[in-house]
Protein backbone atom coordinates (compact mmCIF):
# COMPACT_ATOMS: atom_id res chain seq x y z
CA UNK A 1 -0.22 -19.90 -4.72
CA UNK A 2 -2.28 -20.45 -1.59
CA UNK A 3 -1.20 -20.24 2.12
CA UNK A 4 -3.32 -20.91 5.50
CA UNK A 5 -2.04 -20.27 8.97
CA UNK A 6 -3.66 -20.96 12.55
CA UNK A 7 -2.89 -18.75 15.51
CA UNK A 8 -1.87 -15.27 14.25
CA UNK A 9 -3.52 -12.16 14.86
CA UNK A 10 -3.03 -8.88 13.04
CA UNK A 11 -2.63 -7.08 16.50
CA UNK A 12 -2.48 -3.27 15.52
CA UNK A 13 -2.30 -0.86 12.70
CA UNK A 14 -1.02 2.70 12.75
CA UNK A 15 -0.62 4.94 9.59
CA UNK A 16 1.01 8.38 9.17
CA UNK A 17 0.87 11.15 6.33
CA UNK A 18 3.08 14.16 5.68
CA UNK A 19 1.54 17.34 6.81
CA UNK A 20 1.92 18.99 3.23
CA UNK A 21 -1.46 18.95 1.31
CA UNK A 22 -1.24 19.33 -2.28
CA UNK A 23 -4.57 20.37 -3.81
CA UNK A 24 -4.82 19.95 -7.24
CA UNK A 25 -6.64 23.22 -8.10
CA UNK A 26 -3.15 24.44 -7.67
CA UNK A 27 -2.66 22.75 -11.30
CA UNK A 28 -5.43 24.81 -13.30
CA UNK A 29 -2.93 27.16 -14.69
CA UNK A 30 -0.69 24.58 -15.97
CA UNK A 31 -3.12 22.17 -17.42
CA UNK A 32 -6.43 24.00 -17.48
CA UNK A 33 -9.33 23.75 -15.12
CA UNK A 34 -11.51 21.65 -17.06
CA UNK A 35 -8.54 19.05 -17.63
CA UNK A 36 -8.01 19.23 -13.96
CA UNK A 37 -11.81 18.64 -13.22
CA UNK A 38 -12.01 15.68 -15.66
CA UNK A 39 -9.29 14.12 -14.02
CA UNK A 40 -10.28 14.52 -10.38
CA UNK A 41 -13.66 13.54 -10.99
CA UNK A 42 -12.40 10.15 -12.62
CA UNK A 43 -9.87 9.37 -9.76
CA UNK A 44 -12.22 10.99 -6.95
CA UNK A 45 -8.71 12.53 -5.84
CA UNK A 46 -8.64 16.45 -5.19
CA UNK A 47 -5.68 16.27 -3.19
CA UNK A 48 -2.77 14.54 -1.88
CA UNK A 49 -0.35 14.60 0.98
CA UNK A 50 3.51 15.16 -0.34
CA UNK A 51 6.64 14.52 1.80
CA UNK A 52 9.24 17.28 1.85
CA UNK A 53 12.52 16.75 0.10
CA UNK A 54 14.21 15.60 3.50
CA UNK A 55 11.41 13.12 4.47
CA UNK A 56 11.71 9.30 3.25
CA UNK A 57 9.13 6.41 3.32
CA UNK A 58 11.16 5.06 6.03
CA UNK A 59 10.85 8.16 8.06
CA UNK A 60 7.17 7.91 7.74
CA UNK A 61 7.04 4.30 8.68
CA UNK A 62 9.53 4.78 11.47
CA UNK A 63 7.25 7.49 12.98
CA UNK A 64 3.94 5.26 12.64
CA UNK A 65 5.75 2.37 14.44
CA UNK A 66 7.07 4.59 17.43
CA UNK A 67 3.58 6.00 18.09
CA UNK A 68 2.01 2.38 17.82
CA UNK A 69 4.89 0.97 20.00
CA UNK A 70 3.77 3.76 22.80
CA UNK A 71 0.16 2.95 22.42
CA UNK A 72 0.02 -0.78 22.57
CA UNK A 73 1.01 -3.30 25.25
CA UNK A 74 4.11 -4.86 23.85
CA UNK A 75 7.79 -4.27 24.85
CA UNK A 76 10.61 -3.52 22.24
CA UNK A 77 12.50 -6.78 23.57
CA UNK A 78 9.62 -8.90 22.21
CA UNK A 79 9.77 -7.69 18.97
CA UNK A 80 11.69 -9.92 16.62
CA UNK A 81 11.15 -9.32 13.20
CA UNK A 82 10.92 -6.40 10.67
CA UNK A 83 9.94 -6.34 7.36
CA UNK A 84 9.98 -3.13 5.25
CA UNK A 85 7.96 -2.93 2.29
CA UNK A 86 8.58 0.01 0.08
CA UNK A 87 9.60 0.75 -3.55
CA UNK A 88 11.46 4.10 -1.99
CA UNK A 89 13.98 2.82 0.13
CA UNK A 90 16.60 4.95 1.80
CA UNK A 91 19.72 3.58 -0.11
CA UNK A 92 20.50 1.09 -2.93
CA UNK A 93 22.45 -0.54 -0.26
CA UNK A 94 22.29 -1.37 2.80
CA UNK A 95 18.56 -2.50 3.03
CA UNK A 96 16.32 -0.04 4.91
CA UNK A 97 15.14 -2.48 7.48
CA UNK A 98 18.41 -2.89 9.17
CA UNK A 99 18.44 1.06 9.44
CA UNK A 100 14.92 0.89 10.94
CA UNK A 101 15.94 -2.12 13.60
CA UNK A 102 18.72 0.32 14.88
CA UNK A 103 16.55 3.47 15.00
CA UNK A 104 13.58 1.75 16.52
CA UNK A 105 15.80 0.44 19.24
CA UNK A 106 15.03 -3.24 18.23
CA UNK A 107 17.51 -6.15 19.40
CA UNK A 108 20.45 -7.09 17.11
CA UNK A 109 18.84 -10.41 16.97
CA UNK A 110 15.76 -8.93 15.04
CA UNK A 111 15.35 -10.58 11.55
CA UNK A 112 15.25 -7.79 8.89
CA UNK A 113 13.83 -7.79 5.36
CA UNK A 114 13.07 -5.43 2.69
CA UNK A 115 10.48 -6.19 0.05
CA UNK A 116 10.65 -3.68 -2.78
CA UNK A 117 6.82 -3.97 -3.72
CA UNK A 118 4.26 -1.52 -4.27
CA UNK A 119 0.48 -2.20 -4.73
CA UNK A 120 0.39 -5.78 -3.57
CA UNK A 121 3.32 -5.22 -1.19
CA UNK A 122 1.20 -4.86 2.16
CA UNK A 123 -0.34 -8.32 1.41
CA UNK A 124 3.18 -10.01 0.47
CA UNK A 125 4.52 -8.10 3.96
CA UNK A 126 1.99 -9.87 5.79
CA UNK A 127 2.49 -13.07 4.05
CA UNK A 128 6.18 -12.94 5.22
CA UNK A 129 5.52 -12.02 8.70
CA UNK A 130 2.79 -15.04 8.84
CA UNK A 131 5.50 -17.31 7.42
CA UNK A 132 8.12 -16.51 10.14
CA UNK A 133 5.50 -16.72 12.84
CA UNK A 134 4.16 -19.89 11.52
CA UNK A 135 7.78 -21.31 11.47
CA UNK A 136 8.26 -20.61 15.10
CA UNK A 137 11.07 -18.23 14.39
CA UNK A 138 9.47 -15.11 15.48
CA UNK A 139 6.44 -14.40 17.80
CA UNK A 140 6.00 -10.50 17.11
CA UNK A 141 6.71 -8.87 13.69
CA UNK A 142 6.40 -5.41 12.66
CA UNK A 143 5.56 -4.75 9.07
CA UNK A 144 6.46 -1.10 7.99
CA UNK A 145 4.87 -0.45 4.66
CA UNK A 146 5.20 3.10 2.76
CA UNK A 147 6.26 4.84 -0.40
CA UNK A 148 7.02 8.32 -0.98
CA UNK A 149 5.69 8.16 -4.72
CA UNK A 150 5.66 11.63 -5.54
CA UNK A 151 9.21 11.33 -5.91
CA UNK A 152 9.04 8.96 -8.93
CA UNK A 153 6.59 11.35 -10.63
CA UNK A 154 7.53 14.03 -13.09
CA UNK A 155 6.02 17.32 -12.29
CA UNK A 156 4.84 17.73 -15.69
CA UNK A 157 3.12 14.64 -16.05
CA UNK A 158 -0.69 15.16 -15.36
CA UNK A 159 -1.57 11.69 -15.97
CA UNK A 160 0.33 10.42 -13.10
CA UNK A 161 0.80 13.71 -10.83
CA UNK A 162 -3.06 13.77 -9.86
CA UNK A 163 -3.02 10.10 -8.61
CA UNK A 164 -0.24 9.46 -6.30
CA UNK A 165 0.37 10.46 -2.73
CA UNK A 166 2.68 9.67 0.37
CA UNK A 167 2.24 7.79 3.46
CA UNK A 168 3.77 5.38 5.74
CA UNK A 169 2.26 2.68 8.14
CA UNK A 170 3.02 0.19 10.86
CA UNK A 171 1.30 -3.13 11.42
CA UNK A 172 1.98 -5.78 14.38
CA UNK A 173 1.65 -9.37 13.63
CA UNK A 174 1.90 -11.79 16.66
CA UNK A 175 0.81 -15.28 17.76
CA UNK A 176 -2.62 -15.39 18.48
CA UNK A 177 -5.70 -17.17 18.12
CA UNK A 178 -7.11 -16.33 14.68
CA UNK A 179 -6.60 -18.10 11.05
CA UNK A 180 -5.15 -16.01 8.23
CA UNK A 181 -4.47 -16.97 4.72
CA UNK A 182 -3.01 -15.71 1.48
CA UNK A 183 -3.52 -16.21 -2.28
CA UNK A 184 -0.66 -14.69 -4.61
CA UNK A 185 -0.05 -14.23 -7.97
CA UNK A 186 2.61 -12.75 -10.22
CA UNK A 187 2.86 -12.26 -14.05
CA UNK A 188 5.91 -10.61 -15.25
CA UNK A 189 4.80 -10.30 -18.58
CA UNK A 190 3.28 -7.00 -17.89
CA UNK A 191 6.15 -5.53 -15.99
CA UNK A 192 6.25 -2.73 -18.49
CA UNK A 193 2.79 -1.45 -17.68
CA UNK A 194 3.99 0.24 -14.38
CA UNK A 195 7.62 0.73 -14.29
CA UNK A 196 10.54 3.25 -13.95
CA UNK A 197 12.32 2.40 -17.28
CA UNK A 198 15.98 3.88 -16.35
CA UNK A 199 17.97 4.23 -13.02
CA UNK A 200 18.50 0.47 -12.26
CA UNK A 201 21.38 -1.88 -13.34
CA UNK A 202 19.65 -2.75 -16.56
CA UNK A 203 19.22 0.81 -17.81
CA UNK A 204 21.35 3.11 -15.75
CA UNK A 205 20.74 6.65 -15.55
CA UNK A 206 22.43 9.09 -17.96
CA UNK A 207 22.03 12.57 -19.39
CA UNK A 208 19.83 10.87 -22.19
CA UNK A 209 17.55 8.94 -19.48
CA UNK A 210 16.87 12.18 -17.75
CA UNK A 211 15.65 14.15 -20.71
CA UNK A 212 12.01 14.87 -20.85
CA UNK A 213 9.78 13.79 -23.67
CA UNK A 214 6.05 14.40 -24.32
CA UNK A 215 3.84 11.30 -25.25
CA UNK A 216 0.86 11.36 -27.63
CA UNK A 217 -1.46 12.65 -24.74
CA UNK A 218 0.82 15.65 -23.71
CA UNK A 219 2.21 13.90 -20.51
CA UNK A 220 5.77 15.07 -20.03
CA UNK A 221 8.40 12.73 -18.31
CA UNK A 222 11.84 11.05 -18.66
CA UNK A 223 12.90 7.66 -18.70
CA UNK A 224 14.00 8.00 -14.85
CA UNK A 225 10.44 8.88 -14.33
CA UNK A 226 7.18 6.51 -13.47
CA UNK A 227 5.27 5.36 -16.36
CA UNK A 228 1.92 3.85 -16.18
CA UNK A 229 -0.04 2.22 -18.96
CA UNK A 230 -3.24 3.20 -17.13
CA UNK A 231 -5.48 1.31 -19.47
CA UNK A 232 -3.59 -2.22 -19.20
CA UNK A 233 -3.33 -1.71 -15.56
CA UNK A 234 -7.21 -1.03 -15.43
CA UNK A 235 -8.03 -4.07 -17.46
CA UNK A 236 -5.51 -6.51 -15.53
CA UNK A 237 -7.44 -5.28 -12.46
CA UNK A 238 -10.86 -5.56 -13.32
CA UNK A 239 -9.88 -8.94 -14.73
CA UNK A 240 -7.91 -10.53 -12.11
CA UNK A 241 -9.16 -9.17 -8.96
CA UNK A 242 -12.85 -10.57 -8.78
CA UNK A 243 -11.35 -14.02 -9.61
CA UNK A 244 -8.71 -13.56 -6.76
CA UNK A 245 -11.29 -12.50 -4.12
CA UNK A 246 -13.58 -15.53 -4.98
CA UNK A 247 -10.46 -17.82 -4.50
CA UNK A 248 -9.46 -16.31 -1.26
CA UNK A 249 -12.82 -16.44 0.11
CA UNK A 250 -13.40 -20.13 -0.98
CA UNK A 251 -10.13 -20.94 1.06
CA UNK A 252 -11.01 -18.89 4.25
CA UNK A 253 -13.13 -20.13 7.18
CA UNK A 254 -15.93 -18.34 6.11
CA UNK A 255 -16.19 -19.90 2.60
CA UNK A 256 -19.03 -17.94 0.88
CA UNK A 257 -18.68 -14.31 -0.57
CA UNK A 258 -22.07 -13.38 1.35
CA UNK A 259 -20.16 -14.29 4.61
CA UNK A 260 -17.64 -11.51 4.12
CA UNK A 261 -18.09 -8.61 6.40
CA UNK A 262 -15.56 -6.29 4.73
CA UNK A 263 -13.37 -6.14 1.59
CA UNK A 264 -10.43 -3.71 1.99
CA UNK A 265 -8.76 -3.24 -1.38
CA UNK A 266 -5.83 -1.20 -2.59
CA UNK A 267 -6.91 2.12 -3.10
CA UNK A 268 -5.77 2.74 -6.86
CA UNK A 269 -8.29 5.44 -7.36
CA UNK A 270 -12.25 5.72 -7.10
CA UNK A 271 -12.83 4.67 -10.73
CA UNK A 272 -10.97 1.62 -10.46
CA UNK A 273 -12.18 0.50 -7.03
CA UNK A 274 -15.75 1.70 -7.64
CA UNK A 275 -15.93 -0.53 -10.94
CA UNK A 276 -14.93 -3.60 -8.87
CA UNK A 277 -17.41 -3.09 -6.32
CA UNK A 278 -20.11 -2.62 -8.95
CA UNK A 279 -18.83 -5.58 -10.89
CA UNK A 280 -18.95 -7.64 -7.83
CA UNK A 281 -22.44 -6.12 -6.71
CA UNK A 282 -21.10 -5.03 -3.25
CA UNK A 283 -22.06 -2.08 -1.43
CA UNK A 284 -20.26 1.04 -0.26
CA UNK A 285 -20.05 -0.20 3.28
CA UNK A 286 -18.79 -3.70 2.07
CA UNK A 287 -16.01 -2.58 0.05
CA UNK A 288 -15.33 1.29 1.23
CA UNK A 289 -13.32 3.86 -0.66
CA UNK A 290 -11.18 6.60 0.89
CA UNK A 291 -8.85 8.24 -1.75
CA UNK A 292 -9.72 11.70 -1.90
CA UNK A 293 -7.06 13.70 0.34
CA UNK A 294 -4.65 11.02 0.07
CA UNK A 295 -4.44 9.40 -3.53
CA UNK A 296 -2.70 6.19 -4.18
CA UNK A 297 -0.15 5.48 -1.50
CA UNK A 298 1.30 2.18 -2.91
CA UNK A 299 1.95 -0.31 -0.12
CA UNK A 300 0.37 1.88 2.59
CA UNK A 301 -3.03 2.21 0.82
CA UNK A 302 -4.67 -0.71 2.53
CA UNK A 303 -3.65 -0.16 6.31
CA UNK A 304 -4.46 3.87 5.38
CA UNK A 305 -7.82 2.74 4.15
CA UNK A 306 -8.53 0.89 7.36
CA UNK A 307 -7.09 3.74 9.86
CA UNK A 308 -9.25 6.34 7.92
CA UNK A 309 -12.36 4.23 8.14
CA UNK A 310 -11.73 3.94 11.98
CA UNK A 311 -11.80 7.62 12.40
CA UNK A 312 -14.52 8.40 9.88
CA UNK A 313 -16.79 5.41 9.94
CA UNK A 314 -15.78 3.08 12.90
CA UNK A 315 -18.00 0.36 12.09
CA UNK A 316 -16.71 -0.42 8.84
CA UNK A 317 -13.06 -1.04 10.32
CA UNK A 318 -12.96 -3.84 12.70
CA UNK A 319 -14.73 -6.29 10.64
CA UNK A 320 -14.46 -10.16 11.51
CA UNK A 321 -14.57 -11.86 8.39
CA UNK A 322 -12.31 -9.36 6.63
CA UNK A 323 -10.72 -9.53 2.84
CA UNK A 324 -7.73 -7.61 2.09
CA UNK A 325 -6.63 -7.24 -1.41
CA UNK A 326 -3.74 -5.35 -3.48
CA UNK A 327 -2.96 -5.51 -7.03
CA UNK A 328 -0.70 -3.54 -9.66
CA UNK A 329 2.82 -3.23 -10.24
CA UNK A 330 4.75 -6.36 -11.27
CA UNK A 331 2.35 -7.18 -12.45
CA UNK A 332 1.09 -8.83 -9.32
CA UNK A 333 -2.00 -9.60 -7.28
CA UNK A 334 -2.68 -10.99 -3.77
CA UNK A 335 -5.28 -11.37 -1.07
CA UNK A 336 -5.46 -12.15 2.43
CA UNK A 337 -8.23 -13.47 4.83
CA UNK A 338 -8.26 -12.32 8.36
CA UNK A 339 -9.99 -11.31 11.36
CA UNK A 340 -9.58 -7.71 12.37
CA UNK A 341 -12.22 -7.58 15.13
CA UNK A 342 -9.97 -7.12 17.94
CA UNK A 343 -7.17 -5.40 15.88
CA UNK A 344 -6.04 -2.04 17.53
CA UNK A 345 -6.77 0.58 14.91
CA UNK A 346 -5.36 4.17 15.38
CA UNK A 347 -6.33 7.25 13.66
CA UNK A 348 -4.28 8.35 10.99
CA UNK A 349 -1.67 10.91 12.13
CA UNK A 350 0.45 13.87 10.57
CA UNK A 351 4.26 13.32 10.48
CA UNK A 352 5.97 15.47 12.82
């Protein structure tokens, strides 16, 4: 489905990561140095940031939001919407966005939503914010996107342990002067390719579901842990994403691929994004990759990419004709065209 809106700006982006850095060299003894080197070479990730047991994704997002609100020219009473995008919410109920509304000191008239989405979650969060602003229901909306994915992964699962990291983000959307548009797709047929099989109401957690088992590749996990069919997800991404990007560009004001200044993709891993870049015949500057040190951070990976670029390669961050694209769990994929030229982008900070 396609959506196009006028007079909506992405005003600011802020991200935060846990201080604790987990270097995969620590896994040499467990998996063998050659195996660790093989995986890190493919993923482009040598280390990730891991939240401690007391820190949740909402803590990371709250911290990012508070820091952003200290640095930008907007009053708390002017924020009338909050969307929390995460697969690792605080409780089964109530929704975490309500808790964040209180912690941030926002008005009780603030509209609050939780979106339990991962890889494409940031795009969907921006879409929900744009819909509310376009309807004249809200003027300023915080999209808080983050996951502590490390909590989902079994410590003995080498396939996933050397991929995912934790992070949180805050993005402010407001009434403005720019156009913004979205193309969104979902295909539940592939829902089992990226899943935690147990722990919900379809298959509640039991002693049986918590039992570890080894797969044919020697990865050890239980039904309560994250499972990913890496090959299926890869094939899905390289098939769907190029078509999606061509479609979103066609409906954008810049119309042609050669008019796009920057492509900001979900940072699944270096191999996947690099393959997409090669397939689309783009340069490193046009489709940048920033996964080392952070890994796949789920719904926060796109804003994290942008803030990391801003502090490392500033010229690559504030692009006028920008395409944002997320893809993965669901299976779902979505893209956004927008103007980041005047967006306030802050450096990634450590969670205190």
